[in-house]
């Protein structure tokens, strides 16, 4: 986008910066299937309108500048979406991702500088201590900007990072009014107020969504939970009513059934030693329930 300033005005540059949010939203929809709700879209629209009122002045452009700016806007969207998805895909933090990304970026930019910059004029330039200090300071600040990109996008989203960038723009304008005594223009003040209202609205919606997602994750167990898998994959075996099965599984023969005598038949009929009759009685007469008499032992009562 900065390269487009060679062909476009500053107002067109600000317009291209404002297009980052719509382009990212469209790319996330077709690429990742992410669709923002109507309230989120309304809050983003309010932010874009406010920042546009506060920053966009005259708009002058040329077709080479539009092409450069359009390609830069699409490249920015792809870069920021990948910065978020790759952190989640490979489970890495911002510093780890920069460890792999920074050398590739430095090499590619060095090759582009050799092709497009005035290398002979650069070699003839007289570098002073002040110039070298500014170069080093710029490099440190650029590193901080890059790590901030990965940190914010990794924890939130590319759209949220763009919202933070617009907040920085509003903060720069307000600081100019306060500290640099820039002339106060009501159009800029109105744009800043509208943008800040949209940012507060967007932040509130995002926080409520995050809290709701955490509550849902705590209430609904994940299918990757090993306890859930074990309970589904290995259902509990039904309890058998045959008392001889535990003995057979241990290699022991069940005890022989006692001989049915007339006296035992009477005991079964009245439910003194029949387990099934005993369970039926407990069903009909729930606790407190008087337990049945001891089981018949085969000896006549004294």
Protein backbone atom coordinates (compact mmCIF):
# COMPACT_ATOMS: atom_id res chain seq x y z
CA UNK A 1 0.00 0.00 0.00
CA UNK A 2 2.86 2.40 0.76
CA UNK A 3 4.21 1.89 -2.76
CA UNK A 4 0.89 3.16 -4.16
CA UNK A 5 1.64 6.61 -2.67
CA UNK A 6 3.94 7.18 -5.62
CA UNK A 7 0.84 7.27 -7.84
CA UNK A 8 -2.08 8.08 -5.49
CA UNK A 9 -2.92 10.82 -3.02
CA UNK A 10 -2.95 10.36 0.75
CA UNK A 11 -6.75 10.29 0.67
CA UNK A 12 -6.72 7.32 -1.72
CA UNK A 13 -4.14 5.66 0.52
CA UNK A 14 -6.58 5.93 3.45
CA UNK A 15 -9.38 4.50 1.31
CA UNK A 16 -7.23 1.47 0.50
CA UNK A 17 -6.50 1.02 4.21
CA UNK A 18 -10.22 1.09 4.94
CA UNK A 19 -10.81 -1.66 2.37
CA UNK A 20 -8.77 -4.14 4.42
CA UNK A 21 -11.68 -5.08 6.69
CA UNK A 22 -14.23 -5.78 3.90
CA UNK A 23 -11.64 -7.71 1.90
CA UNK A 24 -10.68 -9.85 4.92
CA UNK A 25 -14.35 -10.55 5.72
CA UNK A 26 -15.01 -11.70 2.15
CA UNK A 27 -11.85 -13.84 2.07
CA UNK A 28 -12.68 -15.48 5.40
CA UNK A 29 -16.16 -16.32 4.13
CA UNK A 30 -15.00 -18.00 0.92
CA UNK A 31 -11.77 -19.42 2.36
CA UNK A 32 -12.67 -20.47 5.93
CA UNK A 33 -16.47 -20.34 5.90
CA UNK A 34 -16.57 -17.62 8.59
CA UNK A 35 -19.63 -15.38 8.49
CA UNK A 36 -20.00 -12.40 10.81
CA UNK A 37 -23.37 -11.59 12.33
CA UNK A 38 -25.40 -8.55 11.36
CA UNK A 39 -24.46 -6.72 14.58
CA UNK A 40 -20.75 -7.29 13.98
CA UNK A 41 -21.11 -6.05 10.40
CA UNK A 42 -22.97 -2.96 11.61
CA UNK A 43 -20.26 -2.17 14.18
CA UNK A 44 -17.54 -2.58 11.54
CA UNK A 45 -19.45 -0.34 9.15
CA UNK A 46 -19.67 2.31 11.87
CA UNK A 47 -15.90 2.10 12.41
CA UNK A 48 -15.16 2.44 8.69
CA UNK A 49 -17.51 5.42 8.32
CA UNK A 50 -16.00 7.19 11.33
CA UNK A 51 -12.38 6.63 10.27
CA UNK A 52 -13.25 7.66 6.72
CA UNK A 53 -14.79 10.92 7.89
CA UNK A 54 -11.79 11.65 10.11
CA UNK A 55 -8.97 10.79 7.70
CA UNK A 56 -10.07 10.84 4.07
CA UNK A 57 -9.69 14.23 2.41
CA UNK A 58 -9.06 14.63 -1.31
CA UNK A 59 -9.02 11.44 -3.37
CA UNK A 60 -6.77 11.45 -6.41
CA UNK A 61 -5.51 8.26 -8.03
CA UNK A 62 -4.12 6.72 -11.18
CA UNK A 63 -4.65 3.24 -12.54
CA UNK A 64 -1.11 2.02 -11.70
CA UNK A 65 -1.69 3.21 -8.14
CA UNK A 66 -5.07 1.44 -7.99
CA UNK A 67 -3.49 -1.80 -9.20
CA UNK A 68 -0.65 -1.58 -6.68
CA UNK A 69 -3.04 -0.69 -3.86
CA UNK A 70 -5.50 -3.46 -4.77
CA UNK A 71 -2.78 -6.11 -4.89
CA UNK A 72 -1.41 -4.87 -1.57
CA UNK A 73 -4.86 -5.04 0.04
CA UNK A 74 -5.38 -8.65 -1.09
CA UNK A 75 -1.85 -9.61 -0.01
CA UNK A 76 -2.46 -8.06 3.41
CA UNK A 77 -5.64 -10.10 3.85
CA UNK A 78 -3.92 -13.35 2.88
CA UNK A 79 -0.94 -12.63 5.14
CA UNK A 80 -3.04 -11.84 8.20
CA UNK A 81 -5.40 -14.79 7.72
CA UNK A 82 -2.44 -17.16 7.41
CA UNK A 83 -0.84 -15.58 10.49
CA UNK A 84 -3.88 -16.69 12.50
CA UNK A 85 -4.64 -20.07 10.92
CA UNK A 86 -1.04 -21.32 10.98
CA UNK A 87 -0.67 -20.58 14.69
CA UNK A 88 -3.72 -22.72 15.40
CA UNK A 89 -2.85 -25.39 12.84
CA UNK A 90 0.68 -26.02 14.15
CA UNK A 91 -0.03 -24.98 17.77
CA UNK A 92 2.78 -22.39 17.88
CA UNK A 93 3.00 -18.97 19.49
CA UNK A 94 3.90 -15.65 17.90
CA UNK A 95 7.65 -15.91 18.53
CA UNK A 96 7.86 -19.42 17.10
CA UNK A 97 6.01 -18.39 13.95
CA UNK A 98 8.26 -15.37 13.49
CA UNK A 99 11.30 -17.60 13.92
CA UNK A 100 10.34 -19.42 10.71
CA UNK A 101 8.78 -16.51 8.83
CA UNK A 102 11.31 -13.71 9.41
CA UNK A 103 14.31 -15.24 7.54
CA UNK A 104 12.18 -15.95 4.47
CA UNK A 105 10.78 -12.41 4.52
CA UNK A 106 14.23 -10.84 4.96
CA UNK A 107 15.67 -12.82 2.05
CA UNK A 108 12.79 -12.03 -0.30
CA UNK A 109 12.86 -8.31 0.55
CA UNK A 110 16.62 -8.19 0.02
CA UNK A 111 16.24 -9.65 -3.47
CA UNK A 112 13.44 -7.17 -4.26
CA UNK A 113 15.56 -4.26 -3.00
CA UNK A 114 18.40 -5.28 -5.30
CA UNK A 115 15.99 -5.30 -8.24
CA UNK A 116 14.03 -2.10 -7.64
CA UNK A 117 16.10 0.18 -5.39
CA UNK A 118 18.94 2.48 -6.43
CA UNK A 119 21.75 0.26 -5.21
CA UNK A 120 24.64 2.38 -6.69
CA UNK A 121 23.22 5.53 -5.10
CA UNK A 122 22.82 3.66 -1.80
CA UNK A 123 26.45 2.56 -1.89
CA UNK A 124 27.57 6.18 -2.40
CA UNK A 125 25.51 7.47 0.52
CA UNK A 126 27.48 8.68 3.52
CA UNK A 127 26.18 6.86 6.62
CA UNK A 128 26.58 8.83 9.82
CA UNK A 129 26.04 7.67 13.37
CA UNK A 130 22.69 9.42 13.47
CA UNK A 131 21.51 7.71 10.28
CA UNK A 132 22.65 4.28 11.46
CA UNK A 133 20.93 4.87 14.81
CA UNK A 134 17.68 5.72 13.03
CA UNK A 135 17.97 2.59 10.88
CA UNK A 136 18.50 0.39 13.94
CA UNK A 137 15.62 2.06 15.79
CA UNK A 138 13.37 1.56 12.76
CA UNK A 139 14.32 -2.12 12.64
CA UNK A 140 13.49 -2.57 16.34
CA UNK A 141 10.13 -0.83 15.91
CA UNK A 142 9.38 -2.98 12.85
CA UNK A 143 10.12 -6.10 14.89
CA UNK A 144 7.70 -4.88 17.55
CA UNK A 145 5.03 -4.26 14.93
CA UNK A 146 5.48 -7.75 13.47
CA UNK A 147 5.33 -9.49 16.83
CA UNK A 148 2.24 -7.43 17.67
CA UNK A 149 0.57 -8.61 14.46
CA UNK A 150 1.10 -12.26 15.37
CA UNK A 151 0.14 -11.79 19.02
CA UNK A 152 -3.14 -9.98 18.34
CA UNK A 153 -4.20 -12.15 15.39
CA UNK A 154 -3.22 -15.36 17.21
CA UNK A 155 -5.40 -14.48 20.20
CA UNK A 156 -8.26 -12.80 18.32
CA UNK A 157 -8.71 -12.50 14.55
CA UNK A 158 -7.46 -10.49 11.54
CA UNK A 159 -10.57 -8.29 11.69
CA UNK A 160 -9.86 -7.42 15.32
CA UNK A 161 -6.30 -6.50 14.37
CA UNK A 162 -7.65 -4.10 11.74
CA UNK A 163 -9.96 -2.56 14.35
CA UNK A 164 -6.93 -2.03 16.61
CA UNK A 165 -5.14 -0.35 13.69
CA UNK A 166 -8.01 2.07 13.16
CA UNK A 167 -8.02 2.83 16.87
CA UNK A 168 -4.32 3.72 16.53
CA UNK A 169 -5.24 6.12 13.71
CA UNK A 170 -7.85 7.83 15.87
CA UNK A 171 -5.36 8.02 18.73
CA UNK A 172 -2.76 9.66 16.47
CA UNK A 173 -5.27 12.28 15.33
CA UNK A 174 -6.39 13.01 18.89
CA UNK A 175 -2.76 13.25 20.06
CA UNK A 176 -2.09 15.83 17.36
CA UNK A 177 -4.92 17.98 18.70
CA UNK A 178 -3.75 17.67 22.31
CA UNK A 179 0.05 17.67 22.15
CA UNK A 180 0.94 19.27 18.81
CA UNK A 181 -1.76 21.96 18.90
CA UNK A 182 -3.09 20.98 15.49
CA UNK A 183 -6.16 22.94 14.45
CA UNK A 184 -9.32 21.24 15.67
CA UNK A 185 -11.65 20.39 12.81
CA UNK A 186 -15.18 19.36 13.73
CA UNK A 187 -15.26 16.85 10.88
CA UNK A 188 -12.29 15.01 12.34
CA UNK A 189 -13.76 15.11 15.85
CA UNK A 190 -17.09 13.73 14.62
CA UNK A 191 -15.33 10.95 12.71
CA UNK A 192 -13.27 9.96 15.74
CA UNK A 193 -16.37 9.86 17.96
CA UNK A 194 -18.29 7.69 15.46
CA UNK A 195 -15.31 5.33 15.07
CA UNK A 196 -14.80 4.98 18.82
CA UNK A 197 -18.50 4.20 19.33
CA UNK A 198 -18.21 1.47 16.69
CA UNK A 199 -15.08 0.09 18.36
CA UNK A 200 -16.80 -0.07 21.75
CA UNK A 201 -19.78 -1.82 20.17
CA UNK A 202 -17.53 -4.32 18.35
CA UNK A 203 -15.53 -5.02 21.53
CA UNK A 204 -18.71 -5.65 23.53
CA UNK A 205 -20.04 -8.11 20.94
CA UNK A 206 -16.69 -9.92 20.77
CA UNK A 207 -16.44 -10.25 24.55
CA UNK A 208 -19.97 -11.63 24.86
CA UNK A 209 -19.26 -14.11 22.08
CA UNK A 210 -16.06 -15.24 23.78
CA UNK A 211 -17.75 -15.71 27.16
CA UNK A 212 -20.63 -17.65 25.57
CA UNK A 213 -18.18 -19.92 23.74
CA UNK A 214 -16.28 -20.66 26.96
CA UNK A 215 -19.51 -21.53 28.77
CA UNK A 216 -20.61 -23.82 25.93
CA UNK A 217 -17.21 -25.55 25.90
CA UNK A 218 -17.44 -26.17 29.64
CA UNK A 219 -20.99 -27.51 29.53
CA UNK A 220 -20.69 -29.69 26.41
CA UNK A 221 -17.82 -32.23 26.59
CA UNK A 222 -15.70 -32.50 23.50
CA UNK A 223 -15.72 -35.64 21.40
CA UNK A 224 -11.93 -35.70 21.84
CA UNK A 225 -12.33 -36.09 25.59
CA UNK A 226 -10.92 -39.54 26.50
CA UNK A 227 -13.56 -40.03 29.17
CA UNK A 228 -16.29 -39.49 26.62
CA UNK A 229 -14.62 -41.85 24.17
CA UNK A 230 -14.25 -44.56 26.75
CA UNK A 231 -17.87 -44.28 27.80
CA UNK A 232 -19.04 -44.48 24.19
CA UNK A 233 -16.57 -47.02 22.83
CA UNK A 234 -16.83 -49.44 25.78
CA UNK A 235 -20.41 -49.52 27.02
CA UNK A 236 -21.04 -51.20 30.30
CA UNK A 237 -21.97 -54.85 30.00
CA UNK A 238 -25.49 -55.66 31.13
CA UNK A 239 -25.76 -57.19 34.54
CA UNK A 240 -26.75 -60.79 34.42
CA UNK A 241 -29.35 -62.13 36.80
CA UNK A 242 -27.84 -65.58 36.76
CA UNK A 243 -25.78 -65.93 39.98
CA UNK A 244 -23.77 -68.76 38.49
CA UNK A 245 -22.02 -66.62 35.80
CA UNK A 246 -19.38 -65.05 38.13
CA UNK A 247 -18.48 -68.52 39.36
CA UNK A 248 -18.20 -69.89 35.82
CA UNK A 249 -15.93 -66.98 34.77
CA UNK A 250 -13.59 -67.92 37.65
CA UNK A 251 -13.53 -71.60 36.72
CA UNK A 252 -15.74 -72.67 39.62
CA UNK A 253 -18.84 -74.80 39.35
CA UNK A 254 -22.02 -73.31 40.76
CA UNK A 255 -23.51 -74.79 43.89
CA UNK A 256 -26.10 -77.51 43.22
CA UNK A 257 -29.70 -76.43 43.44
CA UNK A 258 -31.39 -77.71 46.63
CA UNK A 259 -33.93 -80.44 46.22
CA UNK A 260 -37.45 -79.12 45.90
CA UNK A 261 -39.41 -80.62 48.77
CA UNK A 262 -43.01 -79.85 49.64
CA UNK A 263 -41.87 -77.60 52.46
CA UNK A 264 -39.55 -75.64 50.12
CA UNK A 265 -42.34 -75.31 47.56
CA UNK A 266 -44.48 -73.68 50.22
CA UNK A 267 -41.59 -71.35 51.10
CA UNK A 268 -41.24 -70.28 47.45
CA UNK A 269 -44.94 -69.61 47.14
CA UNK A 270 -44.99 -67.32 50.16
CA UNK A 271 -41.80 -65.53 48.96
CA UNK A 272 -39.51 -66.47 51.82
CA UNK A 273 -36.63 -67.71 49.61
CA UNK A 274 -37.51 -66.72 46.01
CA UNK A 275 -35.41 -63.73 44.81
CA UNK A 276 -37.82 -62.78 42.03
CA UNK A 277 -40.82 -62.76 44.35
CA UNK A 278 -38.75 -60.77 46.84
CA UNK A 279 -37.96 -58.09 44.17
CA UNK A 280 -41.61 -57.91 43.19
CA UNK A 281 -42.56 -57.27 46.77
CA UNK A 282 -39.97 -54.48 47.02
CA UNK A 283 -41.42 -52.90 43.88
CA UNK A 284 -44.95 -53.01 45.20
CA UNK A 285 -43.99 -51.91 48.69
CA UNK A 286 -40.99 -49.52 48.50
CA UNK A 287 -38.83 -48.83 51.60
CA UNK A 288 -39.29 -48.84 54.48
CA UNK A 289 -39.69 -52.51 53.76
CA UNK A 290 -39.44 -55.42 56.21
CA UNK A 291 -36.83 -57.85 54.80
CA UNK A 292 -37.91 -61.43 54.22
CA UNK A 293 -37.08 -64.21 56.61
CA UNK A 294 -33.76 -66.08 56.19
CA UNK A 295 -33.50 -68.46 53.28
CA UNK A 296 -34.53 -72.02 53.70
CA UNK A 297 -31.58 -74.20 54.78
CA UNK A 298 -33.17 -77.57 54.31
CA UNK A 299 -33.68 -78.15 58.02
CA UNK A 300 -37.05 -78.28 59.62
CA UNK A 301 -37.80 -75.41 61.95
CA UNK A 302 -37.49 -76.17 65.64
